[in-house]
Amino acid sequence: MDVDGDVIFHDSQADPLTHLEGPVLSHFRSSSMKEESKLIEMAWQECINKAKSSTIILPLSQIKTFSQDGKVTWLNLRKEIGTFMI
């Protein structure tokens, strides 16, 4: 963010979790690829868990995932409501 010619970085420990400008983006200057990969993995796992519990609805019928040993598993997101499958 540019304020009066100065650059302000909003990625400190004291920075609020939400911003009017939108979500906080990752800054590679303050993290490594390994840390970024772990954050993405954790965010994806949270999405999968929320989809399983119907906390969020994804516009998908299935999600392809991989187990720890590398085997493919499919998560079926279709729900039956009355006589309709959504």
C-alpha atoms as a PDB file:
ATOM      1  CA  MET A   1       0.000   0.000   0.000  1.00  0.00           C
ATOM      2  CA  ASP A   2       1.387   3.400  -0.975  1.00  0.00           C
ATOM      3  CA  VAL A   3       0.694   6.234   1.499  1.00  0.00           C
ATOM      4  CA  ASP A   4       2.241   9.631   0.761  1.00  0.00           C
ATOM      5  CA  GLY A   5       5.102   8.003  -1.138  1.00  0.00           C
ATOM      6  CA  ASP A   6       5.818   5.464   1.619  1.00  0.00           C
ATOM      7  CA  VAL A   7       5.211   1.742   1.231  1.00  0.00           C
ATOM      8  CA  ILE A   8       3.390   0.047   4.101  1.00  0.00           C
ATOM      9  CA  PHE A   9       3.425  -3.750   4.396  1.00  0.00           C
ATOM     10  CA  HIS A  10       0.409  -5.322   6.109  1.00  0.00           C
ATOM     11  CA  ASP A  11       1.834  -8.695   7.114  1.00  0.00           C
ATOM     12  CA  SER A  12       2.966  -8.214  10.692  1.00  0.00           C
ATOM     13  CA  GLN A  13       1.895 -10.256  13.719  1.00  0.00           C
ATOM     14  CA  ALA A  14      -0.224  -7.311  14.932  1.00  0.00           C
ATOM     15  CA  ASP A  15      -2.050  -6.902  11.614  1.00  0.00           C
ATOM     16  CA  PRO A  16      -5.794  -7.690  11.848  1.00  0.00           C
ATOM     17  CA  LEU A  17      -7.062 -10.926  10.310  1.00  0.00           C
ATOM     18  CA  THR A  18      -9.571  -9.122   8.072  1.00  0.00           C
ATOM     19  CA  HIS A  19      -9.172  -6.028   5.899  1.00  0.00           C
ATOM     20  CA  LEU A  20     -11.642  -3.893   3.994  1.00  0.00           C
ATOM     21  CA  GLU A  21      -9.317  -4.278   0.998  1.00  0.00           C
ATOM     22  CA  GLY A  22      -9.826  -8.050   0.925  1.00  0.00           C
ATOM     23  CA  PRO A  23      -7.980 -11.109   2.232  1.00  0.00           C
ATOM     24  CA  VAL A  24      -4.373 -11.001   3.330  1.00  0.00           C
ATOM     25  CA  LEU A  25      -2.120 -12.371   0.606  1.00  0.00           C
ATOM     26  CA  SER A  26       0.994 -14.415   1.251  1.00  0.00           C
ATOM     27  CA  HIS A  27       4.303 -12.599   1.082  1.00  0.00           C
ATOM     28  CA  PHE A  28       7.213 -14.664  -0.183  1.00  0.00           C
ATOM     29  CA  ARG A  29       9.673 -12.231   1.360  1.00  0.00           C
ATOM     30  CA  SER A  30       8.555 -13.366   4.801  1.00  0.00           C
ATOM     31  CA  SER A  31       8.114 -17.101   4.123  1.00  0.00           C
ATOM     32  CA  SER A  32       9.570 -20.018   2.197  1.00  0.00           C
ATOM     33  CA  MET A  33       8.098 -22.247  -0.509  1.00  0.00           C
ATOM     34  CA  LYS A  34       7.868 -25.037   2.063  1.00  0.00           C
ATOM     35  CA  GLU A  35       5.808 -22.810   4.381  1.00  0.00           C
ATOM     36  CA  GLU A  36       3.594 -21.637   1.501  1.00  0.00           C
ATOM     37  CA  SER A  37       2.993 -25.227   0.362  1.00  0.00           C
ATOM     38  CA  LYS A  38       1.994 -26.176   3.912  1.00  0.00           C
ATOM     39  CA  LEU A  39      -0.409 -23.203   4.155  1.00  0.00           C
ATOM     40  CA  ILE A  40      -2.035 -24.159   0.846  1.00  0.00           C
ATOM     41  CA  GLU A  41      -2.322 -27.795   1.964  1.00  0.00           C
ATOM     42  CA  MET A  42      -3.956 -26.733   5.240  1.00  0.00           C
ATOM     43  CA  ALA A  43      -6.381 -24.380   3.441  1.00  0.00           C
ATOM     44  CA  TRP A  44      -7.343 -27.119   0.959  1.00  0.00           C
ATOM     45  CA  GLN A  45      -7.889 -29.612   3.797  1.00  0.00           C
ATOM     46  CA  GLU A  46     -10.121 -27.073   5.557  1.00  0.00           C
ATOM     47  CA  CYS A  47     -12.177 -26.695   2.357  1.00  0.00           C
ATOM     48  CA  ILE A  48     -12.533 -30.476   2.071  1.00  0.00           C
ATOM     49  CA  ASN A  49     -13.577 -30.798   5.724  1.00  0.00           C
ATOM     50  CA  LYS A  50     -16.154 -28.010   5.353  1.00  0.00           C
ATOM     51  CA  ALA A  51     -17.502 -29.616   2.177  1.00  0.00           C
ATOM     52  CA  LYS A  52     -17.800 -32.985   3.959  1.00  0.00           C
ATOM     53  CA  SER A  53     -19.769 -31.415   6.795  1.00  0.00           C
ATOM     54  CA  SER A  54     -21.847 -29.270   4.385  1.00  0.00           C
ATOM     55  CA  THR A  55     -20.571 -26.101   6.055  1.00  0.00           C
ATOM     56  CA  ILE A  56     -19.839 -24.852   2.550  1.00  0.00           C
ATOM     57  CA  ILE A  57     -21.352 -25.949  -0.732  1.00  0.00           C
ATOM     58  CA  LEU A  58     -18.940 -26.352  -3.612  1.00  0.00           C
ATOM     59  CA  PRO A  59     -20.144 -26.386  -7.232  1.00  0.00           C
ATOM     60  CA  LEU A  60     -18.726 -29.903  -7.629  1.00  0.00           C
ATOM     61  CA  SER A  61     -20.105 -33.398  -7.426  1.00  0.00           C
ATOM     62  CA  GLN A  62     -16.777 -35.047  -6.505  1.00  0.00           C
ATOM     63  CA  ILE A  63     -13.285 -34.107  -5.330  1.00  0.00           C
ATOM     64  CA  LYS A  64     -10.275 -36.233  -6.197  1.00  0.00           C
ATOM     65  CA  THR A  65      -7.917 -36.558  -3.236  1.00  0.00           C
ATOM     66  CA  PHE A  66      -4.870 -38.636  -2.412  1.00  0.00           C
ATOM     67  CA  SER A  67      -4.263 -40.676   0.736  1.00  0.00           C
ATOM     68  CA  GLN A  68      -0.948 -40.589   2.607  1.00  0.00           C
ATOM     69  CA  ASP A  69       0.270 -43.600   0.617  1.00  0.00           C
ATOM     70  CA  GLY A  70      -0.595 -41.872  -2.693  1.00  0.00           C
ATOM     71  CA  LYS A  71      -3.768 -43.783  -3.511  1.00  0.00           C
ATOM     72  CA  VAL A  72      -6.591 -41.898  -5.226  1.00  0.00           C
ATOM     73  CA  THR A  73      -9.814 -41.453  -3.279  1.00  0.00           C
ATOM     74  CA  TRP A  74     -12.966 -39.659  -4.388  1.00  0.00           C
ATOM     75  CA  LEU A  75     -15.068 -37.520  -2.071  1.00  0.00           C
ATOM     76  CA  ASN A  76     -18.705 -37.599  -3.210  1.00  0.00           C
ATOM     77  CA  LEU A  77     -20.376 -34.238  -2.496  1.00  0.00           C
ATOM     78  CA  ARG A  78     -23.830 -35.061  -3.874  1.00  0.00           C
ATOM     79  CA  LYS A  79     -26.579 -34.759  -1.304  1.00  0.00           C
ATOM     80  CA  GLU A  80     -30.059 -36.189  -1.613  1.00  0.00           C
ATOM     81  CA  ILE A  81     -32.822 -33.741  -0.722  1.00  0.00           C
ATOM     82  CA  GLY A  82     -36.250 -35.238  -1.165  1.00  0.00           C
ATOM     83  CA  THR A  83     -36.251 -36.770  -4.632  1.00  0.00           C
ATOM     84  CA  PHE A  84     -33.478 -34.490  -5.951  1.00  0.00           C
ATOM     85  CA  MET A  85     -29.728 -35.004  -5.993  1.00  0.00           C
ATOM     86  CA  ILE A  86     -27.759 -31.798  -5.588  1.00  0.00           C
END
